Amino acid sequence: MRYLLLSFALVSVFWGCSSDSKTQSGESSSPEKQPISDTLKDEGFVKTDKNYFIRESHRPQMLVVGKSFETTPESVRTLITGMNRALLDDITAQKAIIQGAITVIYEKAPSENEKQNIWVGIPLDKPLKGWNTVKIPAQDYYKIQTNSALGETMPFWKSVMSDLAEKGLGNKKTWFLEMPSSSVNAEMTSEITNCNLFISK
């Protein structure tokens, strides 16, 4: 439990939220996280670039709870900062279980200064009252590991889409996701590192 609290406290600090948004450790009502039954898989290599690395990946079904905004991709950092505390508070109050990192869902591949419907939320085990939910099916993706922070990936999207053009994305709905990667240090504290893009195959 202490590890989970520190993980999400770090996300709050990372986006400039005040320290009072953290929950107290040891309380039974604190946000919890449980393993996802459908295993995440990183598989075949696709392409590497000096700024990113593309490979094939699989992700399980996700229920991403949050809100959507009609805005530009450049606003993502502000959106996360503005809603992070309120969402975490409701996760605690409604005893939901966190099943993944903060997730940004784009309606289409982002372009500079172009407005679109952008969804920001956190994968949970159930919907929350007062919030909306997007259900993303289990599926295969192109996973793009970048050297950019969450909300600062705009320079990569055009190049990545060009690289994947020859692969084809099929006729079904394509999902465009952005999520932070993380690692665990010697103190078992989650560290936010760089950002991953996911484009469904």
C-alpha atoms as a PDB file:
ATOM      1  CA  MET A   1       0.000   0.000   0.000  1.00  0.00           C
ATOM      2  CA  ARG A   2       2.818   2.451   0.834  1.00  0.00           C
ATOM      3  CA  TYR A   3       4.301   1.849  -2.626  1.00  0.00           C
ATOM      4  CA  LEU A   4       0.984   2.672  -4.317  1.00  0.00           C
ATOM      5  CA  LEU A   5       0.483   5.858  -2.360  1.00  0.00           C
ATOM      6  CA  LEU A   6       3.994   7.040  -3.116  1.00  0.00           C
ATOM      7  CA  SER A   7       3.485   6.228  -6.793  1.00  0.00           C
ATOM      8  CA  PHE A   8       0.458   8.449  -7.173  1.00  0.00           C
ATOM      9  CA  ALA A   9       1.765  11.121  -4.846  1.00  0.00           C
ATOM     10  CA  LEU A  10       4.765  11.370  -7.176  1.00  0.00           C
ATOM     11  CA  VAL A  11       2.463  11.819 -10.169  1.00  0.00           C
ATOM     12  CA  SER A  12       0.710  14.664  -8.345  1.00  0.00           C
ATOM     13  CA  VAL A  13       3.966  16.385  -7.518  1.00  0.00           C
ATOM     14  CA  PHE A  14       5.214  15.854 -11.059  1.00  0.00           C
ATOM     15  CA  TRP A  15       2.267  17.859 -12.412  1.00  0.00           C
ATOM     16  CA  GLY A  16       2.628  20.625  -9.833  1.00  0.00           C
ATOM     17  CA  CYS A  17      -0.233  19.656  -7.564  1.00  0.00           C
ATOM     18  CA  SER A  18      -0.032  20.768  -3.968  1.00  0.00           C
ATOM     19  CA  SER A  19       1.197  18.319  -1.357  1.00  0.00           C
ATOM     20  CA  ASP A  20      -2.169  18.171   0.351  1.00  0.00           C
ATOM     21  CA  SER A  21      -3.477  16.085  -2.555  1.00  0.00           C
ATOM     22  CA  LYS A  22      -1.610  13.064  -1.202  1.00  0.00           C
ATOM     23  CA  THR A  23      -3.514  10.513   0.846  1.00  0.00           C
ATOM     24  CA  GLN A  24      -2.222   9.279   4.186  1.00  0.00           C
ATOM     25  CA  SER A  25      -0.477   5.899   4.214  1.00  0.00           C
ATOM     26  CA  GLY A  26      -1.968   3.076   6.194  1.00  0.00           C
ATOM     27  CA  GLU A  27      -5.611   4.109   5.712  1.00  0.00           C
ATOM     28  CA  SER A  28      -7.936   1.420   4.454  1.00  0.00           C
ATOM     29  CA  SER A  29      -9.653   3.954   2.150  1.00  0.00           C
ATOM     30  CA  SER A  30      -6.489   4.812   0.209  1.00  0.00           C
ATOM     31  CA  PRO A  31      -6.281   4.058  -3.525  1.00  0.00           C
ATOM     32  CA  GLU A  32      -5.253   0.497  -4.270  1.00  0.00           C
ATOM     33  CA  LYS A  33      -3.742  -1.137  -7.317  1.00  0.00           C
ATOM     34  CA  GLN A  34      -4.072  -4.754  -8.367  1.00  0.00           C
ATOM     35  CA  PRO A  35      -2.376  -6.811 -11.088  1.00  0.00           C
ATOM     36  CA  ILE A  36      -4.137  -6.976 -14.443  1.00  0.00           C
ATOM     37  CA  SER A  37      -5.078 -10.546 -15.306  1.00  0.00           C
ATOM     38  CA  ASP A  38      -4.400 -10.226 -19.037  1.00  0.00           C
ATOM     39  CA  THR A  39      -0.607  -9.954 -19.236  1.00  0.00           C
ATOM     40  CA  LEU A  40       1.066  -6.996 -20.909  1.00  0.00           C
ATOM     41  CA  LYS A  41       3.383  -8.223 -23.655  1.00  0.00           C
ATOM     42  CA  ASP A  42       6.125  -6.480 -25.612  1.00  0.00           C
ATOM     43  CA  GLU A  43       7.088  -8.476 -28.671  1.00  0.00           C
ATOM     44  CA  GLY A  44       8.550  -7.852 -32.129  1.00  0.00           C
ATOM     45  CA  PHE A  45      10.872  -5.002 -32.996  1.00  0.00           C
ATOM     46  CA  VAL A  46       9.513  -2.615 -35.656  1.00  0.00           C
ATOM     47  CA  LYS A  47      11.854   0.369 -35.954  1.00  0.00           C
ATOM     48  CA  THR A  48      14.238   2.548 -33.974  1.00  0.00           C
ATOM     49  CA  ASP A  49      14.948   6.266 -34.276  1.00  0.00           C
ATOM     50  CA  LYS A  50      17.256   8.551 -32.319  1.00  0.00           C
ATOM     51  CA  ASN A  51      14.238   9.863 -30.390  1.00  0.00           C
ATOM     52  CA  TYR A  52      12.006   6.792 -30.112  1.00  0.00           C
ATOM     53  CA  PHE A  53      11.775   3.012 -30.401  1.00  0.00           C
ATOM     54  CA  ILE A  54       8.824   1.184 -32.002  1.00  0.00           C
ATOM     55  CA  ARG A  55       7.882  -2.382 -31.181  1.00  0.00           C
ATOM     56  CA  GLU A  56       4.778  -4.561 -31.149  1.00  0.00           C
ATOM     57  CA  SER A  57       2.888  -4.834 -27.883  1.00  0.00           C
ATOM     58  CA  HIS A  58      -0.319  -6.197 -26.372  1.00  0.00           C
ATOM     59  CA  ARG A  59      -2.465  -4.538 -23.725  1.00  0.00           C
ATOM     60  CA  PRO A  60      -5.462  -5.948 -21.834  1.00  0.00           C
ATOM     61  CA  GLN A  61      -8.889  -4.350 -21.728  1.00  0.00           C
ATOM     62  CA  MET A  62      -8.959  -1.064 -19.825  1.00  0.00           C
ATOM     63  CA  LEU A  63     -11.742   0.977 -18.230  1.00  0.00           C
ATOM     64  CA  VAL A  64     -10.321   4.493 -18.325  1.00  0.00           C
ATOM     65  CA  VAL A  65     -12.216   6.767 -15.935  1.00  0.00           C
ATOM     66  CA  GLY A  66     -11.901  10.513 -16.414  1.00  0.00           C
ATOM     67  CA  LYS A  67     -13.197  13.312 -18.618  1.00  0.00           C
ATOM     68  CA  SER A  68     -12.995  14.427 -22.230  1.00  0.00           C
ATOM     69  CA  PHE A  69     -12.069  17.876 -23.492  1.00  0.00           C
ATOM     70  CA  GLU A  70     -12.349  19.589 -26.876  1.00  0.00           C
ATOM     71  CA  THR A  71      -8.901  21.129 -27.048  1.00  0.00           C
ATOM     72  CA  THR A  72      -5.444  20.994 -28.634  1.00  0.00           C
ATOM     73  CA  PRO A  73      -2.741  18.422 -27.797  1.00  0.00           C
ATOM     74  CA  GLU A  74      -0.589  21.207 -26.378  1.00  0.00           C
ATOM     75  CA  SER A  75      -3.102  21.517 -23.495  1.00  0.00           C
ATOM     76  CA  VAL A  76      -2.633  17.977 -22.159  1.00  0.00           C
ATOM     77  CA  ARG A  77      -0.297  18.931 -19.303  1.00  0.00           C
ATOM     78  CA  THR A  78      -2.751  21.570 -18.089  1.00  0.00           C
ATOM     79  CA  LEU A  79      -5.668  19.121 -18.251  1.00  0.00           C
ATOM     80  CA  ILE A  80      -3.844  16.554 -16.132  1.00  0.00           C
ATOM     81  CA  THR A  81      -2.788  19.136 -13.568  1.00  0.00           C
ATOM     82  CA  GLY A  82      -6.319  20.446 -13.258  1.00  0.00           C
ATOM     83  CA  MET A  83      -8.134  17.145 -12.686  1.00  0.00           C
ATOM     84  CA  ASN A  84      -5.547  14.891 -11.016  1.00  0.00           C
ATOM     85  CA  ARG A  85      -6.388  15.659  -7.377  1.00  0.00           C
ATOM     86  CA  ALA A  86     -10.158  15.485  -7.799  1.00  0.00           C
ATOM     87  CA  LEU A  87      -9.963  12.128  -9.580  1.00  0.00           C
ATOM     88  CA  LEU A  88      -7.631  10.592  -6.992  1.00  0.00           C
ATOM     89  CA  ASP A  89      -9.890  11.823  -4.183  1.00  0.00           C
ATOM     90  CA  ASP A  90     -12.919  10.139  -5.754  1.00  0.00           C
ATOM     91  CA  ILE A  91     -10.969   6.924  -6.371  1.00  0.00           C
ATOM     92  CA  THR A  92     -10.291   6.837  -2.626  1.00  0.00           C
ATOM     93  CA  ALA A  93     -13.831   7.785  -1.591  1.00  0.00           C
ATOM     94  CA  GLN A  94     -15.483   5.239  -3.887  1.00  0.00           C
ATOM     95  CA  LYS A  95     -12.972   2.478  -3.111  1.00  0.00           C
ATOM     96  CA  ALA A  96     -11.956   1.857  -6.708  1.00  0.00           C
ATOM     97  CA  ILE A  97      -8.798  -0.069  -7.608  1.00  0.00           C
ATOM     98  CA  ILE A  98      -6.226   1.554  -9.864  1.00  0.00           C
ATOM     99  CA  GLN A  99      -5.157  -0.697 -12.752  1.00  0.00           C
ATOM    100  CA  GLY A 100      -2.748   1.479 -14.710  1.00  0.00           C
ATOM    101  CA  ALA A 101      -1.047   4.815 -15.187  1.00  0.00           C
ATOM    102  CA  ILE A 102      -2.590   8.145 -16.173  1.00  0.00           C
ATOM    103  CA  THR A 103      -3.811   7.716 -19.749  1.00  0.00           C
ATOM    104  CA  VAL A 104      -4.393  10.247 -22.516  1.00  0.00           C
ATOM    105  CA  ILE A 105      -6.689   9.089 -25.344  1.00  0.00           C
ATOM    106  CA  TYR A 106      -6.697  11.028 -28.610  1.00  0.00           C
ATOM    107  CA  GLU A 107      -9.596  10.870 -31.050  1.00  0.00           C
ATOM    108  CA  LYS A 108      -7.061  10.840 -33.892  1.00  0.00           C
ATOM    109  CA  ALA A 109      -3.316  11.161 -34.309  1.00  0.00           C
ATOM    110  CA  PRO A 110      -2.453  14.565 -32.804  1.00  0.00           C
ATOM    111  CA  SER A 111      -1.432  17.490 -35.002  1.00  0.00           C
ATOM    112  CA  GLU A 112      -0.002  20.782 -33.768  1.00  0.00           C
ATOM    113  CA  ASN A 113      -2.624  23.305 -32.608  1.00  0.00           C
ATOM    114  CA  GLU A 114      -5.471  21.201 -34.022  1.00  0.00           C
ATOM    115  CA  LYS A 115      -8.459  20.804 -31.719  1.00  0.00           C
ATOM    116  CA  GLN A 116      -9.915  17.363 -31.146  1.00  0.00           C
ATOM    117  CA  ASN A 117     -11.665  15.335 -28.459  1.00  0.00           C
ATOM    118  CA  ILE A 118      -8.977  14.389 -25.903  1.00  0.00           C
ATOM    119  CA  TRP A 119      -9.740  12.029 -23.007  1.00  0.00           C
ATOM    120  CA  VAL A 120      -7.702  12.112 -19.799  1.00  0.00           C
ATOM    121  CA  GLY A 121      -8.181   9.498 -17.079  1.00  0.00           C
ATOM    122  CA  ILE A 122      -6.887   6.565 -15.048  1.00  0.00           C
ATOM    123  CA  PRO A 123      -7.627   2.848 -15.676  1.00  0.00           C
ATOM    124  CA  LEU A 124      -9.781   1.483 -12.832  1.00  0.00           C
ATOM    125  CA  ASP A 125     -11.634  -1.700 -11.949  1.00  0.00           C
ATOM    126  CA  LYS A 126     -15.025   0.036 -12.105  1.00  0.00           C
ATOM    127  CA  PRO A 127     -16.693   3.301 -13.174  1.00  0.00           C
ATOM    128  CA  LEU A 128     -16.905   6.231 -10.731  1.00  0.00           C
ATOM    129  CA  LYS A 129     -19.903   8.424  -9.966  1.00  0.00           C
ATOM    130  CA  GLY A 130     -19.338  11.903 -11.336  1.00  0.00           C
ATOM    131  CA  TRP A 131     -16.883  10.743 -14.009  1.00  0.00           C
ATOM    132  CA  ASN A 132     -17.159   9.233 -17.482  1.00  0.00           C
ATOM    133  CA  THR A 133     -15.689   5.914 -18.614  1.00  0.00           C
ATOM    134  CA  VAL A 134     -14.099   4.761 -21.870  1.00  0.00           C
ATOM    135  CA  LYS A 135     -13.784   1.002 -22.439  1.00  0.00           C
ATOM    136  CA  ILE A 136     -10.739   0.090 -24.515  1.00  0.00           C
ATOM    137  CA  PRO A 137     -10.721  -3.534 -25.703  1.00  0.00           C
ATOM    138  CA  ALA A 138      -7.787  -5.904 -25.277  1.00  0.00           C
ATOM    139  CA  GLN A 139      -5.750  -5.624 -28.469  1.00  0.00           C
ATOM    140  CA  ASP A 140      -2.373  -5.384 -30.144  1.00  0.00           C
ATOM    141  CA  TYR A 141      -0.546  -2.074 -30.490  1.00  0.00           C
ATOM    142  CA  TYR A 142       2.505  -0.427 -31.884  1.00  0.00           C
ATOM    143  CA  LYS A 143       4.256   0.775 -28.733  1.00  0.00           C
ATOM    144  CA  ILE A 144       6.462   3.826 -29.199  1.00  0.00           C
ATOM    145  CA  GLN A 145       8.943   4.423 -26.385  1.00  0.00           C
ATOM    146  CA  THR A 146       9.943   8.098 -26.434  1.00  0.00           C
ATOM    147  CA  ASN A 147      12.393  10.304 -24.559  1.00  0.00           C
ATOM    148  CA  SER A 148       9.638  12.819 -23.814  1.00  0.00           C
ATOM    149  CA  ALA A 149       7.517  13.545 -20.753  1.00  0.00           C
ATOM    150  CA  LEU A 150       3.747  13.013 -20.706  1.00  0.00           C
ATOM    151  CA  GLY A 151       2.043  15.851 -22.569  1.00  0.00           C
ATOM    152  CA  GLU A 152       5.198  16.788 -24.469  1.00  0.00           C
ATOM    153  CA  THR A 153       5.117  14.172 -27.247  1.00  0.00           C
ATOM    154  CA  MET A 154       3.789  16.434 -30.001  1.00  0.00           C
ATOM    155  CA  PRO A 155       7.128  16.463 -31.912  1.00  0.00           C
ATOM    156  CA  PHE A 156       6.998  12.652 -32.329  1.00  0.00           C
ATOM    157  CA  TRP A 157       3.511  11.979 -33.630  1.00  0.00           C
ATOM    158  CA  LYS A 158       3.969  13.098 -37.247  1.00  0.00           C
ATOM    159  CA  SER A 159       7.203  11.146 -37.620  1.00  0.00           C
ATOM    160  CA  VAL A 160       5.763   8.022 -35.981  1.00  0.00           C
ATOM    161  CA  MET A 161       2.659   8.045 -38.194  1.00  0.00           C
ATOM    162  CA  SER A 162       4.904   8.348 -41.227  1.00  0.00           C
ATOM    163  CA  ASP A 163       6.969   5.369 -40.074  1.00  0.00           C
ATOM    164  CA  LEU A 164       3.836   3.267 -39.574  1.00  0.00           C
ATOM    165  CA  ALA A 165       2.117   4.280 -42.826  1.00  0.00           C
ATOM    166  CA  GLU A 166       3.543   1.290 -44.692  1.00  0.00           C
ATOM    167  CA  LYS A 167       2.269  -1.065 -41.972  1.00  0.00           C
ATOM    168  CA  GLY A 168      -1.317   0.061 -42.370  1.00  0.00           C
ATOM    169  CA  LEU A 169      -3.653   0.526 -39.409  1.00  0.00           C
ATOM    170  CA  GLY A 170      -6.611  -1.364 -40.871  1.00  0.00           C
ATOM    171  CA  ASN A 171     -10.224  -0.243 -41.246  1.00  0.00           C
ATOM    172  CA  LYS A 172     -11.306  -0.743 -37.648  1.00  0.00           C
ATOM    173  CA  LYS A 173     -11.208   2.010 -35.023  1.00  0.00           C
ATOM    174  CA  THR A 174      -7.654   3.041 -34.228  1.00  0.00           C
ATOM    175  CA  TRP A 175      -6.782   3.961 -30.658  1.00  0.00           C
ATOM    176  CA  PHE A 176      -4.125   6.601 -30.001  1.00  0.00           C
ATOM    177  CA  LEU A 177      -2.925   6.459 -26.389  1.00  0.00           C
ATOM    178  CA  GLU A 178      -0.244   8.231 -24.390  1.00  0.00           C
ATOM    179  CA  MET A 179       0.949   6.888 -21.032  1.00  0.00           C
ATOM    180  CA  PRO A 180       3.961   7.457 -18.779  1.00  0.00           C
ATOM    181  CA  SER A 181       6.345   4.582 -18.279  1.00  0.00           C
ATOM    182  CA  SER A 182       7.679   3.971 -14.793  1.00  0.00           C
ATOM    183  CA  SER A 183      10.336   2.044 -12.941  1.00  0.00           C
ATOM    184  CA  VAL A 184      10.858   1.072  -9.305  1.00  0.00           C
ATOM    185  CA  ASN A 185      13.990   2.156  -7.450  1.00  0.00           C
ATOM    186  CA  ALA A 186      15.767   0.491  -4.509  1.00  0.00           C
ATOM    187  CA  GLU A 187      13.333   2.107  -2.055  1.00  0.00           C
ATOM    188  CA  MET A 188      10.397   0.509  -3.918  1.00  0.00           C
ATOM    189  CA  THR A 189       9.190   3.959  -4.976  1.00  0.00           C
ATOM    190  CA  SER A 190       7.750   4.365  -8.462  1.00  0.00           C
ATOM    191  CA  GLU A 191       9.700   6.778 -10.634  1.00  0.00           C
ATOM    192  CA  ILE A 192       8.081   8.483 -13.604  1.00  0.00           C
ATOM    193  CA  THR A 193      10.479   8.187 -16.526  1.00  0.00           C
ATOM    194  CA  ASN A 194       9.604   8.759 -20.182  1.00  0.00           C
ATOM    195  CA  CYS A 195       6.363   8.479 -22.097  1.00  0.00           C
ATOM    196  CA  ASN A 196       4.997   5.690 -24.294  1.00  0.00           C
ATOM    197  CA  LEU A 197       2.641   6.127 -27.215  1.00  0.00           C
ATOM    198  CA  PHE A 198       0.296   3.275 -28.183  1.00  0.00           C
ATOM    199  CA  ILE A 199      -1.333   3.008 -31.604  1.00  0.00           C
ATOM    200  CA  SER A 200      -3.680   0.060 -32.087  1.00  0.00           C
ATOM    201  CA  LYS A 201      -2.942  -2.272 -35.005  1.00  0.00           C
END
